[in-house]
Amino acid sequence: MNLNDNARAGTFCTTNPAVIVDASAKADLEITVANMLYVIDGLHYTVASGDGDVPLDDTANTIADGYSRLYLACVVADGTVSVVVGKALSNAALAAGEISADWPVPTANSCPFCGILVTNATGSVFTAGTTTLDTTSIFADIYDLWSIPAAPLTGIATTQQT
């Protein structure tokens, strides 16, 4: 199979990054595998794990009570990680199957390796990078990716992170 015929031109993660909520900050995520291996346009790269690898620090993109957002973590050749923020989605519409969470478009020349669906049912506003992911009624489903799935996510997050 020639992956260069695909739109992402042979870009994928070759190691499961095993992303979890950061044990110290709990407002961002970290890669737990010692060395995450990934391919961008057919070239192989490595990034070492460390505290706060996946920063959810885009405080401009909040999540109102009763809404969710899908975030997409991407890494570039030099190991810099960035997060693309998806649009706000109604939890009620997600639960009813009326809408689905489309995967955000990855940044240019990057390898997407993790999706995070954050659902807010707290009665207050969730601020990425400030509100901890172990807050009561904040639900964060983490999806380790090989590449971006062909289908969008359906349903809402139900896993309380601690």
C-alpha atoms as a PDB file:
ATOM      1  CA  MET A   1       0.000   0.000   0.000  1.00  0.00           C
ATOM      2  CA  ASN A   2       1.377   3.410  -0.953  1.00  0.00           C
ATOM      3  CA  LEU A   3       0.305   5.873   1.750  1.00  0.00           C
ATOM      4  CA  ASN A   4       1.677   8.771  -0.286  1.00  0.00           C
ATOM      5  CA  ASP A   5      -1.476   8.560  -2.420  1.00  0.00           C
ATOM      6  CA  ASN A   6      -3.522   9.555   0.642  1.00  0.00           C
ATOM      7  CA  ALA A   7      -4.377  13.134   1.554  1.00  0.00           C
ATOM      8  CA  ARG A   8      -2.102  13.060   4.630  1.00  0.00           C
ATOM      9  CA  ALA A   9       0.768  11.626   2.524  1.00  0.00           C
ATOM     10  CA  GLY A  10       2.008   8.929   4.844  1.00  0.00           C
ATOM     11  CA  THR A  11       1.500  10.838   8.110  1.00  0.00           C
ATOM     12  CA  PHE A  12       0.648   8.708  11.157  1.00  0.00           C
ATOM     13  CA  CYS A  13       1.723   7.717  14.665  1.00  0.00           C
ATOM     14  CA  THR A  14       3.663   4.437  14.868  1.00  0.00           C
ATOM     15  CA  THR A  15       3.629   4.204  18.675  1.00  0.00           C
ATOM     16  CA  ASN A  16       0.630   4.389  20.976  1.00  0.00           C
ATOM     17  CA  PRO A  17       1.289   7.664  22.858  1.00  0.00           C
ATOM     18  CA  ALA A  18      -0.733   6.456  25.883  1.00  0.00           C
ATOM     19  CA  VAL A  19      -1.944   9.980  26.689  1.00  0.00           C
ATOM     20  CA  ILE A  20      -3.368  10.568  30.180  1.00  0.00           C
ATOM     21  CA  VAL A  21      -4.354  13.530  32.326  1.00  0.00           C
ATOM     22  CA  ASP A  22      -1.189  15.144  33.709  1.00  0.00           C
ATOM     23  CA  ALA A  23      -0.772  13.837  37.255  1.00  0.00           C
ATOM     24  CA  SER A  24       0.610  17.109  38.609  1.00  0.00           C
ATOM     25  CA  ALA A  25      -1.262  19.869  36.783  1.00  0.00           C
ATOM     26  CA  LYS A  26      -4.481  17.986  35.871  1.00  0.00           C
ATOM     27  CA  ALA A  27      -5.339  20.829  33.474  1.00  0.00           C
ATOM     28  CA  ASP A  28      -3.333  19.360  30.609  1.00  0.00           C
ATOM     29  CA  LEU A  29      -2.296  15.949  29.304  1.00  0.00           C
ATOM     30  CA  GLU A  30       0.926  14.029  29.032  1.00  0.00           C
ATOM     31  CA  ILE A  31       2.394  11.353  26.798  1.00  0.00           C
ATOM     32  CA  THR A  32       3.368   8.368  28.928  1.00  0.00           C
ATOM     33  CA  VAL A  33       5.242   6.237  26.414  1.00  0.00           C
ATOM     34  CA  ALA A  34       8.994   6.895  26.745  1.00  0.00           C
ATOM     35  CA  ASN A  35       9.493   7.782  23.075  1.00  0.00           C
ATOM     36  CA  MET A  36       6.534   8.359  20.800  1.00  0.00           C
ATOM     37  CA  LEU A  37       7.409   7.500  17.210  1.00  0.00           C
ATOM     38  CA  TYR A  38       5.584   9.195  14.338  1.00  0.00           C
ATOM     39  CA  VAL A  39       5.836   9.754  10.598  1.00  0.00           C
ATOM     40  CA  ILE A  40       5.219  13.030   8.735  1.00  0.00           C
ATOM     41  CA  ASP A  41       5.144  12.822   4.950  1.00  0.00           C
ATOM     42  CA  GLY A  42       7.040   9.543   5.059  1.00  0.00           C
ATOM     43  CA  LEU A  43       9.836  10.741   7.391  1.00  0.00           C
ATOM     44  CA  HIS A  44      10.222   9.185  10.845  1.00  0.00           C
ATOM     45  CA  TYR A  45      10.523  11.264  14.071  1.00  0.00           C
ATOM     46  CA  THR A  46      10.598  10.711  17.843  1.00  0.00           C
ATOM     47  CA  VAL A  47       9.407  12.801  20.769  1.00  0.00           C
ATOM     48  CA  ALA A  48      10.233  11.935  24.393  1.00  0.00           C
ATOM     49  CA  SER A  49       7.533  12.018  27.037  1.00  0.00           C
ATOM     50  CA  GLY A  50       7.489  14.593  29.777  1.00  0.00           C
ATOM     51  CA  ASP A  51       5.308  16.596  32.089  1.00  0.00           C
ATOM     52  CA  GLY A  52       2.628  18.602  30.294  1.00  0.00           C
ATOM     53  CA  ASP A  53       3.321  17.270  26.793  1.00  0.00           C
ATOM     54  CA  VAL A  54      -0.170  18.171  25.537  1.00  0.00           C
ATOM     55  CA  PRO A  55      -1.017  21.672  26.754  1.00  0.00           C
ATOM     56  CA  LEU A  56      -4.704  22.548  26.840  1.00  0.00           C
ATOM     57  CA  ASP A  57      -3.884  26.204  27.342  1.00  0.00           C
ATOM     58  CA  ASP A  58      -6.070  27.933  24.769  1.00  0.00           C
ATOM     59  CA  THR A  59      -8.038  29.942  27.346  1.00  0.00           C
ATOM     60  CA  ALA A  60      -9.916  31.798  24.590  1.00  0.00           C
ATOM     61  CA  ASN A  61     -11.827  28.607  23.764  1.00  0.00           C
ATOM     62  CA  THR A  62     -14.019  27.939  26.760  1.00  0.00           C
ATOM     63  CA  ILE A  63     -16.784  25.357  27.025  1.00  0.00           C
ATOM     64  CA  ALA A  64     -20.131  26.551  28.401  1.00  0.00           C
ATOM     65  CA  ASP A  65     -22.168  24.314  30.694  1.00  0.00           C
ATOM     66  CA  GLY A  66     -24.058  21.760  28.590  1.00  0.00           C
ATOM     67  CA  TYR A  67     -21.506  21.752  25.768  1.00  0.00           C
ATOM     68  CA  SER A  68     -18.509  19.715  24.580  1.00  0.00           C
ATOM     69  CA  ARG A  69     -15.435  20.335  22.426  1.00  0.00           C
ATOM     70  CA  LEU A  70     -13.190  17.928  20.570  1.00  0.00           C
ATOM     71  CA  TYR A  71      -9.484  18.818  20.735  1.00  0.00           C
ATOM     72  CA  LEU A  72      -6.845  17.330  18.409  1.00  0.00           C
ATOM     73  CA  ALA A  73      -3.222  17.071  19.585  1.00  0.00           C
ATOM     74  CA  CYS A  74      -0.607  17.294  16.820  1.00  0.00           C
ATOM     75  CA  VAL A  75       3.200  17.107  16.787  1.00  0.00           C
ATOM     76  CA  VAL A  76       5.617  18.571  14.225  1.00  0.00           C
ATOM     77  CA  ALA A  77       9.056  17.315  13.173  1.00  0.00           C
ATOM     78  CA  ASP A  78      10.938  19.089  15.988  1.00  0.00           C
ATOM     79  CA  GLY A  79       8.664  17.535  18.658  1.00  0.00           C
ATOM     80  CA  THR A  80       6.586  20.647  19.371  1.00  0.00           C
ATOM     81  CA  VAL A  81       3.029  19.726  20.312  1.00  0.00           C
ATOM     82  CA  SER A  82       0.038  21.924  19.572  1.00  0.00           C
ATOM     83  CA  VAL A  83      -3.679  21.455  20.063  1.00  0.00           C
ATOM     84  CA  VAL A  84      -6.359  22.280  17.493  1.00  0.00           C
ATOM     85  CA  VAL A  85      -9.689  23.253  19.068  1.00  0.00           C
ATOM     86  CA  GLY A  86     -12.947  21.942  17.619  1.00  0.00           C
ATOM     87  CA  LYS A  87     -16.258  23.766  17.671  1.00  0.00           C
ATOM     88  CA  ALA A  88     -18.591  23.838  20.684  1.00  0.00           C
ATOM     89  CA  LEU A  89     -21.261  21.125  20.512  1.00  0.00           C
ATOM     90  CA  SER A  90     -24.495  20.765  22.485  1.00  0.00           C
ATOM     91  CA  ASN A  91     -24.370  17.779  24.868  1.00  0.00           C
ATOM     92  CA  ALA A  92     -28.121  17.203  24.423  1.00  0.00           C
ATOM     93  CA  ALA A  93     -27.789  17.114  20.620  1.00  0.00           C
ATOM     94  CA  LEU A  94     -24.754  14.793  20.860  1.00  0.00           C
ATOM     95  CA  ALA A  95     -26.580  12.433  23.232  1.00  0.00           C
ATOM     96  CA  ALA A  96     -29.657  12.395  20.978  1.00  0.00           C
ATOM     97  CA  GLY A  97     -27.518  11.560  17.941  1.00  0.00           C
ATOM     98  CA  GLU A  98     -28.591  14.760  16.190  1.00  0.00           C
ATOM     99  CA  ILE A  99     -24.985  15.886  15.691  1.00  0.00           C
ATOM    100  CA  SER A 100     -21.535  14.348  15.863  1.00  0.00           C
ATOM    101  CA  ALA A 101     -18.106  15.671  16.764  1.00  0.00           C
ATOM    102  CA  ASP A 102     -16.107  16.178  13.584  1.00  0.00           C
ATOM    103  CA  TRP A 103     -12.345  15.853  13.941  1.00  0.00           C
ATOM    104  CA  PRO A 104     -10.617  19.258  13.762  1.00  0.00           C
ATOM    105  CA  VAL A 105      -8.274  19.830  10.817  1.00  0.00           C
ATOM    106  CA  PRO A 106      -4.682  19.181  11.939  1.00  0.00           C
ATOM    107  CA  THR A 107      -2.073  21.896  11.710  1.00  0.00           C
ATOM    108  CA  ALA A 108       0.042  21.897   8.544  1.00  0.00           C
ATOM    109  CA  ASN A 109       2.984  19.470   8.424  1.00  0.00           C
ATOM    110  CA  SER A 110       2.011  17.811  11.695  1.00  0.00           C
ATOM    111  CA  CYS A 111       1.071  14.344  12.887  1.00  0.00           C
ATOM    112  CA  PRO A 112      -2.208  14.088  14.848  1.00  0.00           C
ATOM    113  CA  PHE A 113      -1.778  11.610  17.708  1.00  0.00           C
ATOM    114  CA  CYS A 114      -4.541  12.213  20.236  1.00  0.00           C
ATOM    115  CA  GLY A 115      -8.127  13.415  20.408  1.00  0.00           C
ATOM    116  CA  ILE A 116      -9.747  14.692  23.607  1.00  0.00           C
ATOM    117  CA  LEU A 117     -13.504  15.139  23.899  1.00  0.00           C
ATOM    118  CA  VAL A 118     -14.159  17.405  26.893  1.00  0.00           C
ATOM    119  CA  THR A 119     -17.748  17.556  28.132  1.00  0.00           C
ATOM    120  CA  ASN A 120     -18.899  20.197  30.596  1.00  0.00           C
ATOM    121  CA  ALA A 121     -21.844  19.451  32.865  1.00  0.00           C
ATOM    122  CA  THR A 122     -20.698  21.567  35.835  1.00  0.00           C
ATOM    123  CA  GLY A 123     -23.107  24.488  35.770  1.00  0.00           C
ATOM    124  CA  SER A 124     -20.148  26.815  35.086  1.00  0.00           C
ATOM    125  CA  VAL A 125     -17.689  27.563  32.280  1.00  0.00           C
ATOM    126  CA  PHE A 126     -14.748  25.242  31.518  1.00  0.00           C
ATOM    127  CA  THR A 127     -11.559  27.111  30.601  1.00  0.00           C
ATOM    128  CA  ALA A 128      -8.918  25.015  28.862  1.00  0.00           C
ATOM    129  CA  GLY A 129      -5.605  25.077  30.699  1.00  0.00           C
ATOM    130  CA  THR A 130      -7.187  26.501  33.851  1.00  0.00           C
ATOM    131  CA  THR A 131     -10.085  24.217  34.827  1.00  0.00           C
ATOM    132  CA  THR A 132      -8.706  20.855  35.899  1.00  0.00           C
ATOM    133  CA  LEU A 133      -9.886  17.743  34.107  1.00  0.00           C
ATOM    134  CA  ASP A 134     -10.701  16.076  37.430  1.00  0.00           C
ATOM    135  CA  THR A 135     -13.315  18.721  38.310  1.00  0.00           C
ATOM    136  CA  THR A 136     -16.662  17.168  39.191  1.00  0.00           C
ATOM    137  CA  SER A 137     -18.891  16.937  36.094  1.00  0.00           C
ATOM    138  CA  ILE A 138     -16.051  17.566  33.646  1.00  0.00           C
ATOM    139  CA  PHE A 139     -15.697  14.475  31.501  1.00  0.00           C
ATOM    140  CA  ALA A 140     -12.660  13.912  29.278  1.00  0.00           C
ATOM    141  CA  ASP A 141     -12.495  10.998  26.873  1.00  0.00           C
ATOM    142  CA  ILE A 142      -8.990  10.557  25.473  1.00  0.00           C
ATOM    143  CA  TYR A 143      -8.471   8.836  22.127  1.00  0.00           C
ATOM    144  CA  ASP A 144      -4.943   7.724  21.229  1.00  0.00           C
ATOM    145  CA  LEU A 145      -4.735   7.880  17.432  1.00  0.00           C
ATOM    146  CA  TRP A 146      -2.766   6.193  14.681  1.00  0.00           C
ATOM    147  CA  SER A 147      -4.245   8.738  12.287  1.00  0.00           C
ATOM    148  CA  ILE A 148      -7.458  10.740  12.166  1.00  0.00           C
ATOM    149  CA  PRO A 149     -10.425   8.347  12.088  1.00  0.00           C
ATOM    150  CA  ALA A 150     -12.581   8.407   8.957  1.00  0.00           C
ATOM    151  CA  ALA A 151     -15.785   8.811  10.975  1.00  0.00           C
ATOM    152  CA  PRO A 152     -16.653  11.587  13.447  1.00  0.00           C
ATOM    153  CA  LEU A 153     -17.271  10.833  17.120  1.00  0.00           C
ATOM    154  CA  THR A 154     -20.854  10.256  18.198  1.00  0.00           C
ATOM    155  CA  GLY A 155     -22.309  10.425  21.706  1.00  0.00           C
ATOM    156  CA  ILE A 156     -20.844  12.330  24.639  1.00  0.00           C
ATOM    157  CA  ALA A 157     -17.943  11.730  26.991  1.00  0.00           C
ATOM    158  CA  THR A 158     -18.723   9.772  30.118  1.00  0.00           C
ATOM    159  CA  THR A 159     -15.362   9.150  31.789  1.00  0.00           C
ATOM    160  CA  GLN A 160     -14.502  11.233  34.860  1.00  0.00           C
ATOM    161  CA  GLN A 161     -10.738  11.814  34.926  1.00  0.00           C
ATOM    162  CA  THR A 162      -8.912  11.700  38.270  1.00  0.00           C
END
